[in-house]
N, C-alpha and C. Protein backbone atom coordinates (compact mmCIF):
# COMPACT_ATOMS: atom_id res chain seq x y z
N GLN A 1 0.76 -1.28 -0.04
CA GLN A 1 -0.05 -0.02 -0.04
C GLN A 1 0.91 1.23 -0.17
N ALA A 2 0.52 2.10 -0.79
CA ALA A 2 1.27 3.57 -0.82
C ALA A 2 1.38 4.17 0.51
N GLN A 3 2.45 4.62 0.64
CA GLN A 3 2.76 5.53 1.96
C GLN A 3 3.38 6.81 1.62
N PHE A 4 3.05 7.99 2.35
CA PHE A 4 3.62 9.19 2.27
C PHE A 4 4.56 9.54 3.33
N VAL A 5 5.81 10.10 2.95
CA VAL A 5 6.64 10.48 4.17
C VAL A 5 6.89 11.96 3.85
N GLU A 6 6.44 12.79 4.96
CA GLU A 6 6.58 14.24 4.83
C GLU A 6 7.98 14.61 5.59
N SER A 7 8.42 15.63 4.98
CA SER A 7 9.68 16.19 5.84
C SER A 7 9.92 17.74 5.53
N GLY A 8 10.57 18.30 6.22
CA GLY A 8 11.06 19.77 5.97
C GLY A 8 10.30 20.77 6.84
N GLY A 9 9.56 20.30 7.76
CA GLY A 9 9.02 21.16 8.64
C GLY A 9 10.04 21.82 9.79
N GLY A 10 9.53 22.84 10.36
CA GLY A 10 10.49 23.32 11.38
C GLY A 10 9.76 24.59 12.17
N SER A 11 10.57 25.39 12.93
CA SER A 11 10.17 26.53 13.45
C SER A 11 10.70 27.70 12.85
N VAL A 12 9.87 28.73 12.57
CA VAL A 12 10.50 29.81 11.98
C VAL A 12 9.68 31.03 12.43
N GLN A 13 10.33 32.19 12.11
CA GLN A 13 9.63 33.53 12.48
C GLN A 13 8.71 33.88 11.32
N SER A 14 7.81 34.88 11.80
CA SER A 14 6.95 35.49 10.67
C SER A 14 7.64 36.04 9.45
N GLY A 15 7.30 35.80 8.28
CA GLY A 15 7.92 36.16 7.11
C GLY A 15 9.00 35.19 6.69
N GLY A 16 9.17 34.11 7.39
CA GLY A 16 10.39 33.23 6.97
C GLY A 16 9.68 32.15 5.89
N SER A 17 10.67 31.35 5.57
CA SER A 17 10.17 30.38 4.35
C SER A 17 10.70 28.88 4.80
N LEU A 18 9.92 28.06 4.34
CA LEU A 18 10.21 26.48 4.38
C LEU A 18 9.79 25.86 3.19
N ARG A 19 10.44 24.83 2.95
CA ARG A 19 10.30 23.92 1.74
C ARG A 19 10.02 22.51 2.24
N LEU A 20 8.77 22.18 2.11
CA LEU A 20 8.36 20.70 2.37
C LEU A 20 8.49 19.78 1.24
N SER A 21 8.84 18.58 1.75
CA SER A 21 8.73 17.52 0.66
C SER A 21 8.04 16.38 1.13
N CYS A 22 7.39 15.66 0.12
CA CYS A 22 6.65 14.39 0.50
C CYS A 22 7.00 13.33 -0.43
N LYS A 23 7.51 12.40 -0.11
CA LYS A 23 8.04 11.28 -1.04
C LYS A 23 6.96 9.92 -0.94
N ALA A 24 6.54 9.66 -2.10
CA ALA A 24 5.55 8.67 -2.27
C ALA A 24 6.23 7.10 -2.31
N GLN A 25 6.01 6.41 -1.17
CA GLN A 25 6.72 5.08 -1.22
C GLN A 25 5.63 4.00 -1.51
N ARG A 26 6.35 2.94 -2.12
CA ARG A 26 5.46 1.82 -2.45
C ARG A 26 4.38 2.35 -3.50
N MET A 27 4.78 2.93 -4.32
CA MET A 27 3.80 3.59 -5.48
C MET A 27 4.50 3.52 -6.78
N ILE A 28 3.85 2.65 -7.60
CA ILE A 28 4.61 2.49 -8.85
C ILE A 28 4.68 3.93 -9.75
N LEU A 29 5.54 4.05 -10.46
CA LEU A 29 5.83 5.44 -11.03
C LEU A 29 4.59 5.94 -11.93
N SER A 30 4.07 4.91 -12.87
CA SER A 30 2.92 5.26 -13.51
C SER A 30 1.76 5.63 -12.80
N THR A 31 1.49 5.06 -11.65
CA THR A 31 0.52 5.54 -10.83
C THR A 31 0.69 6.91 -10.05
N PHE A 32 1.78 7.12 -9.81
CA PHE A 32 2.24 8.63 -9.32
C PHE A 32 2.09 9.64 -10.33
N ILE A 33 2.38 9.28 -11.58
CA ILE A 33 2.36 10.32 -12.68
C ILE A 33 0.94 10.68 -12.81
N SER A 34 -0.14 9.68 -12.66
CA SER A 34 -1.46 9.91 -13.08
C SER A 34 -2.25 10.34 -11.87
N GLU A 35 -1.46 10.42 -10.69
CA GLU A 35 -2.22 11.01 -9.41
C GLU A 35 -2.19 12.42 -9.18
N ASP A 36 -3.46 12.96 -8.89
CA ASP A 36 -3.54 14.31 -8.47
C ASP A 36 -3.11 14.30 -7.01
N MET A 37 -2.11 15.15 -6.72
CA MET A 37 -1.72 15.17 -5.32
C MET A 37 -1.92 16.55 -4.72
N GLY A 38 -1.98 16.46 -3.32
CA GLY A 38 -2.44 17.58 -2.58
C GLY A 38 -1.42 17.78 -1.13
N TRP A 39 -1.29 18.97 -0.94
CA TRP A 39 -0.77 19.29 0.51
C TRP A 39 -1.97 19.59 1.38
N TYR A 40 -2.06 19.03 2.33
CA TYR A 40 -3.00 19.28 3.34
C TYR A 40 -2.57 19.85 4.84
N ARG A 41 -3.16 20.46 5.44
CA ARG A 41 -2.73 21.04 6.79
C ARG A 41 -3.69 20.80 7.83
N GLN A 42 -3.31 20.56 9.09
CA GLN A 42 -4.35 20.49 10.27
C GLN A 42 -3.82 21.39 11.42
N ALA A 43 -4.58 22.50 11.89
CA ALA A 43 -4.04 23.28 12.78
C ALA A 43 -4.67 22.78 14.10
N PRO A 44 -4.20 23.13 15.29
CA PRO A 44 -4.66 22.58 16.52
C PRO A 44 -6.27 23.12 16.64
N GLY A 45 -6.96 22.07 17.04
CA GLY A 45 -8.37 22.24 17.06
C GLY A 45 -9.11 22.63 15.91
N LYS A 46 -8.63 22.33 14.67
CA LYS A 46 -9.30 22.37 13.28
C LYS A 46 -9.25 21.14 12.55
N GLN A 47 -10.20 21.17 11.56
CA GLN A 47 -10.12 20.10 10.69
C GLN A 47 -9.00 20.16 9.65
N ARG A 48 -8.70 18.90 9.07
CA ARG A 48 -7.54 18.97 8.07
C ARG A 48 -8.21 19.67 6.83
N GLU A 49 -7.30 20.46 6.16
CA GLU A 49 -7.84 21.13 4.95
C GLU A 49 -6.90 20.94 3.87
N LEU A 50 -7.38 20.80 2.57
CA LEU A 50 -6.46 20.76 1.38
C LEU A 50 -6.09 22.22 1.02
N ILE A 51 -4.79 22.56 1.00
CA ILE A 51 -4.36 23.95 0.60
C ILE A 51 -3.74 24.11 -0.67
N ALA A 52 -3.09 23.01 -1.18
CA ALA A 52 -2.43 23.13 -2.50
C ALA A 52 -2.69 21.84 -3.34
N SER A 53 -3.00 21.94 -4.51
CA SER A 53 -3.07 20.88 -5.44
C SER A 53 -2.20 20.66 -6.57
N SER A 54 -1.50 19.67 -6.90
CA SER A 54 -0.73 19.42 -8.19
C SER A 54 -1.52 18.18 -8.77
N PHE A 55 -2.27 18.81 -10.11
CA PHE A 55 -2.91 17.82 -10.93
C PHE A 55 -1.90 17.14 -11.91
N ALA A 56 -2.36 15.90 -12.25
CA ALA A 56 -1.69 15.09 -13.32
C ALA A 56 -1.61 15.91 -14.55
N SER A 57 -2.43 16.73 -14.93
CA SER A 57 -2.47 17.77 -16.07
C SER A 57 -1.49 18.76 -15.95
N ARG A 58 -0.90 18.85 -14.69
CA ARG A 58 0.27 19.89 -14.76
C ARG A 58 -0.42 21.23 -13.98
N ASN A 59 -1.54 21.34 -13.92
CA ASN A 59 -2.16 22.36 -13.36
C ASN A 59 -2.13 22.51 -11.86
N THR A 60 -2.13 23.52 -11.30
CA THR A 60 -2.21 23.75 -9.80
C THR A 60 -3.31 24.46 -9.38
N ASN A 61 -3.61 24.35 -8.00
CA ASN A 61 -4.75 25.22 -7.36
C ASN A 61 -4.27 25.36 -5.97
N TYR A 62 -4.81 26.56 -5.46
CA TYR A 62 -4.57 26.93 -4.08
C TYR A 62 -5.83 27.38 -3.32
N ALA A 63 -5.76 27.09 -1.87
CA ALA A 63 -6.67 27.81 -1.07
C ALA A 63 -6.27 29.18 -1.07
N ASP A 64 -7.44 30.00 -0.97
CA ASP A 64 -7.23 31.54 -0.85
C ASP A 64 -6.21 31.80 0.31
N SER A 65 -6.28 31.02 1.48
CA SER A 65 -5.32 31.56 2.48
C SER A 65 -3.77 31.30 2.17
N VAL A 66 -3.41 30.63 1.27
CA VAL A 66 -2.01 30.46 0.80
C VAL A 66 -1.80 31.05 -0.37
N LYS A 67 -2.55 31.33 -1.24
CA LYS A 67 -2.50 31.77 -2.63
C LYS A 67 -1.53 33.04 -2.70
N GLY A 68 -0.49 32.87 -3.58
CA GLY A 68 0.45 33.96 -3.73
C GLY A 68 1.75 33.82 -2.72
N ARG A 69 1.53 32.86 -1.67
CA ARG A 69 2.72 32.72 -0.91
C ARG A 69 3.15 31.39 -0.96
N PHE A 70 2.41 30.33 -1.21
CA PHE A 70 2.93 28.83 -1.29
C PHE A 70 2.82 28.50 -2.74
N THR A 71 3.78 27.51 -2.92
CA THR A 71 3.79 26.99 -4.50
C THR A 71 4.11 25.55 -4.43
N ILE A 72 3.18 24.85 -4.90
CA ILE A 72 3.29 23.25 -5.01
C ILE A 72 4.02 22.83 -6.39
N SER A 73 4.74 21.93 -6.43
CA SER A 73 5.56 21.31 -7.50
C SER A 73 5.67 19.70 -7.19
N ARG A 74 6.18 19.22 -8.14
CA ARG A 74 6.19 17.77 -8.13
C ARG A 74 7.44 17.34 -9.13
N ASP A 75 8.08 16.22 -8.70
CA ASP A 75 9.08 15.56 -9.42
C ASP A 75 8.78 14.19 -9.57
N ASN A 76 7.88 13.91 -10.69
CA ASN A 76 7.51 12.69 -10.89
C ASN A 76 8.43 11.48 -10.90
N GLY A 77 9.62 11.86 -11.46
CA GLY A 77 10.65 10.69 -11.35
C GLY A 77 11.02 10.30 -10.00
N ARG A 78 10.90 11.28 -9.03
CA ARG A 78 11.58 11.15 -7.69
C ARG A 78 10.31 10.74 -6.91
N ARG A 79 8.94 10.77 -7.51
CA ARG A 79 7.84 10.52 -6.84
C ARG A 79 7.59 11.21 -5.52
N THR A 80 8.01 12.54 -5.70
CA THR A 80 8.04 13.54 -4.62
C THR A 80 7.20 14.69 -4.97
N VAL A 81 6.46 15.33 -4.02
CA VAL A 81 5.90 16.55 -4.22
C VAL A 81 6.40 17.56 -3.13
N TYR A 82 6.50 18.85 -3.59
CA TYR A 82 7.18 19.78 -2.64
C TYR A 82 6.09 20.89 -2.62
N LEU A 83 6.41 21.67 -1.32
CA LEU A 83 5.51 22.79 -0.98
C LEU A 83 6.56 23.81 -0.67
N GLN A 84 6.91 24.94 -1.33
CA GLN A 84 7.57 26.12 -1.05
C GLN A 84 6.70 27.14 -0.36
N MET A 85 6.97 27.36 0.94
CA MET A 85 6.04 28.35 1.62
C MET A 85 6.94 29.56 1.97
N ASN A 86 6.43 30.77 1.52
CA ASN A 86 7.08 32.06 1.75
C ASN A 86 6.07 32.73 2.50
N SER A 87 6.76 33.96 3.22
CA SER A 87 5.93 34.87 3.87
C SER A 87 5.22 34.09 4.93
N LEU A 88 5.67 33.44 5.72
CA LEU A 88 4.91 32.54 6.61
C LEU A 88 4.33 33.37 7.63
N GLU A 89 3.18 33.08 8.11
CA GLU A 89 2.55 33.60 9.30
C GLU A 89 2.12 32.78 10.30
N PRO A 90 1.99 33.31 11.64
CA PRO A 90 1.36 32.37 12.71
C PRO A 90 0.31 31.53 12.28
N GLU A 91 -0.60 32.09 11.61
CA GLU A 91 -1.74 31.30 11.14
C GLU A 91 -1.39 29.98 10.29
N ASP A 92 -0.33 29.92 9.89
CA ASP A 92 0.24 28.68 9.14
C ASP A 92 0.72 27.67 9.85
N THR A 93 0.63 27.87 11.24
CA THR A 93 1.08 26.91 12.19
C THR A 93 0.16 25.74 12.13
N ALA A 94 0.86 24.49 11.68
CA ALA A 94 0.07 23.31 11.61
C ALA A 94 0.77 22.12 11.33
N VAL A 95 0.40 21.01 11.37
CA VAL A 95 0.92 19.75 10.92
C VAL A 95 0.61 19.64 9.28
N TYR A 96 1.65 19.37 8.47
CA TYR A 96 1.30 19.49 6.91
C TYR A 96 1.53 17.97 6.55
N TYR A 97 0.50 17.59 5.77
CA TYR A 97 0.42 16.24 5.21
C TYR A 97 0.34 16.31 3.71
N CYS A 98 0.70 15.26 3.05
CA CYS A 98 0.41 15.16 1.60
C CYS A 98 -0.42 13.73 1.33
N ASN A 99 -1.19 13.85 0.37
CA ASN A 99 -1.99 12.58 -0.01
C ASN A 99 -2.56 12.81 -1.38
N SER A 100 -3.04 11.76 -1.89
CA SER A 100 -3.79 12.03 -3.20
C SER A 100 -4.81 12.53 -3.04
N ILE A 101 -5.64 13.12 -3.97
CA ILE A 101 -6.88 13.90 -3.95
C ILE A 101 -8.03 13.25 -4.00
N ASN A 102 -7.98 12.53 -5.11
CA ASN A 102 -9.30 11.85 -5.66
C ASN A 102 -9.71 10.55 -4.88
N THR A 103 -8.46 9.83 -4.54
CA THR A 103 -8.57 8.60 -3.64
C THR A 103 -7.42 8.63 -2.57
N LEU A 104 -8.01 9.18 -1.40
CA LEU A 104 -7.27 9.35 -0.02
C LEU A 104 -6.65 7.93 0.31
N ARG A 105 -5.39 7.96 0.47
CA ARG A 105 -4.54 6.79 0.86
C ARG A 105 -4.32 6.95 2.45
N SER A 106 -3.48 6.08 2.97
CA SER A 106 -3.11 6.26 4.36
C SER A 106 -2.24 7.49 4.65
N TRP A 107 -2.77 8.02 5.66
CA TRP A 107 -1.92 9.50 5.83
C TRP A 107 -0.51 8.98 6.64
N GLY A 108 0.19 9.91 6.31
CA GLY A 108 1.61 9.77 6.86
C GLY A 108 1.70 10.50 8.22
N ARG A 109 2.84 10.60 8.70
CA ARG A 109 2.97 11.33 10.09
C ARG A 109 2.75 12.85 9.99
N GLY A 110 3.00 13.47 8.83
CA GLY A 110 3.00 14.71 8.69
C GLY A 110 4.44 15.35 9.22
N THR A 111 4.47 16.69 8.96
CA THR A 111 5.58 17.44 9.25
C THR A 111 5.09 18.86 10.07
N GLN A 112 5.70 19.10 11.10
CA GLN A 112 5.06 20.27 12.08
C GLN A 112 5.83 21.40 11.29
N VAL A 113 4.93 22.54 11.18
CA VAL A 113 5.44 23.80 11.03
C VAL A 113 4.83 24.80 12.12
N THR A 114 5.68 25.50 12.54
CA THR A 114 5.50 26.53 13.57
C THR A 114 5.88 27.83 13.18
N VAL A 115 5.16 28.73 13.25
CA VAL A 115 5.53 30.19 12.86
C VAL A 115 5.31 30.82 14.04
N SER A 116 6.18 31.82 14.58
CA SER A 116 6.01 32.44 15.70
C SER A 116 6.38 33.96 15.31
N SER A 117 5.72 34.79 16.14
CA SER A 117 5.83 36.33 15.97
C SER A 117 7.04 36.74 16.45
N TRP A 118 7.44 36.07 17.61
CA TRP A 118 8.78 36.44 18.11
C TRP A 118 9.81 35.51 17.57
N GLY A 119 11.13 36.02 17.69
CA GLY A 119 12.14 35.25 17.21
C GLY A 119 12.59 34.10 18.30
N GLN A 120 13.39 33.25 17.97
CA GLN A 120 13.68 32.32 18.99
C GLN A 120 14.43 32.40 20.17
N GLY A 121 15.07 33.83 20.10
CA GLY A 121 15.87 34.31 21.14
C GLY A 121 17.37 33.77 20.91
N THR A 122 18.27 34.33 21.68
CA THR A 122 19.49 33.75 21.64
C THR A 122 20.00 33.69 23.16
N GLN A 123 20.72 32.78 23.48
CA GLN A 123 21.23 32.64 24.93
C GLN A 123 22.40 33.40 25.07
N VAL A 124 22.41 34.14 26.32
CA VAL A 124 23.46 34.82 26.54
C VAL A 124 23.92 34.31 28.04
N THR A 125 25.24 33.87 28.17
CA THR A 125 25.69 33.50 29.42
C THR A 125 27.03 34.36 29.81
N VAL A 126 26.88 34.68 31.03
CA VAL A 126 28.03 35.50 31.56
C VAL A 126 28.79 34.60 32.64
N SER A 127 29.90 34.32 32.66
CA SER A 127 30.49 33.81 33.58
C SER A 127 31.84 34.47 34.44
N SER A 128 31.99 34.19 35.38
CA SER A 128 33.08 35.24 36.27
C SER A 128 34.33 34.53 35.96
């Protein structure tokens, strides 16, 4: 059975960028090429939503909330779907998943994206 492995998440500050990757495992190449693929996300306390679609026809589609900031792409030879995320906002904080669109398969573990308004800070240690 096909399995998706997401990676690339992390913690960034508002305005930052991340690039997510999703590798389809145990899926033959011809199936992947013909598959409409999507990136989904689930924020705390909210339902999972489809935010970006990459169709086998090479067309793409985006939810209004990410349009103009996120870009979905795919490398069929590598059976991999990417999501370039720019101008990240705290509202983008969620676990991000990929999956087929027309025939949902088993969900992967996802990759956590955390966007904070504050920077991560820097530790200062003074010793005598």
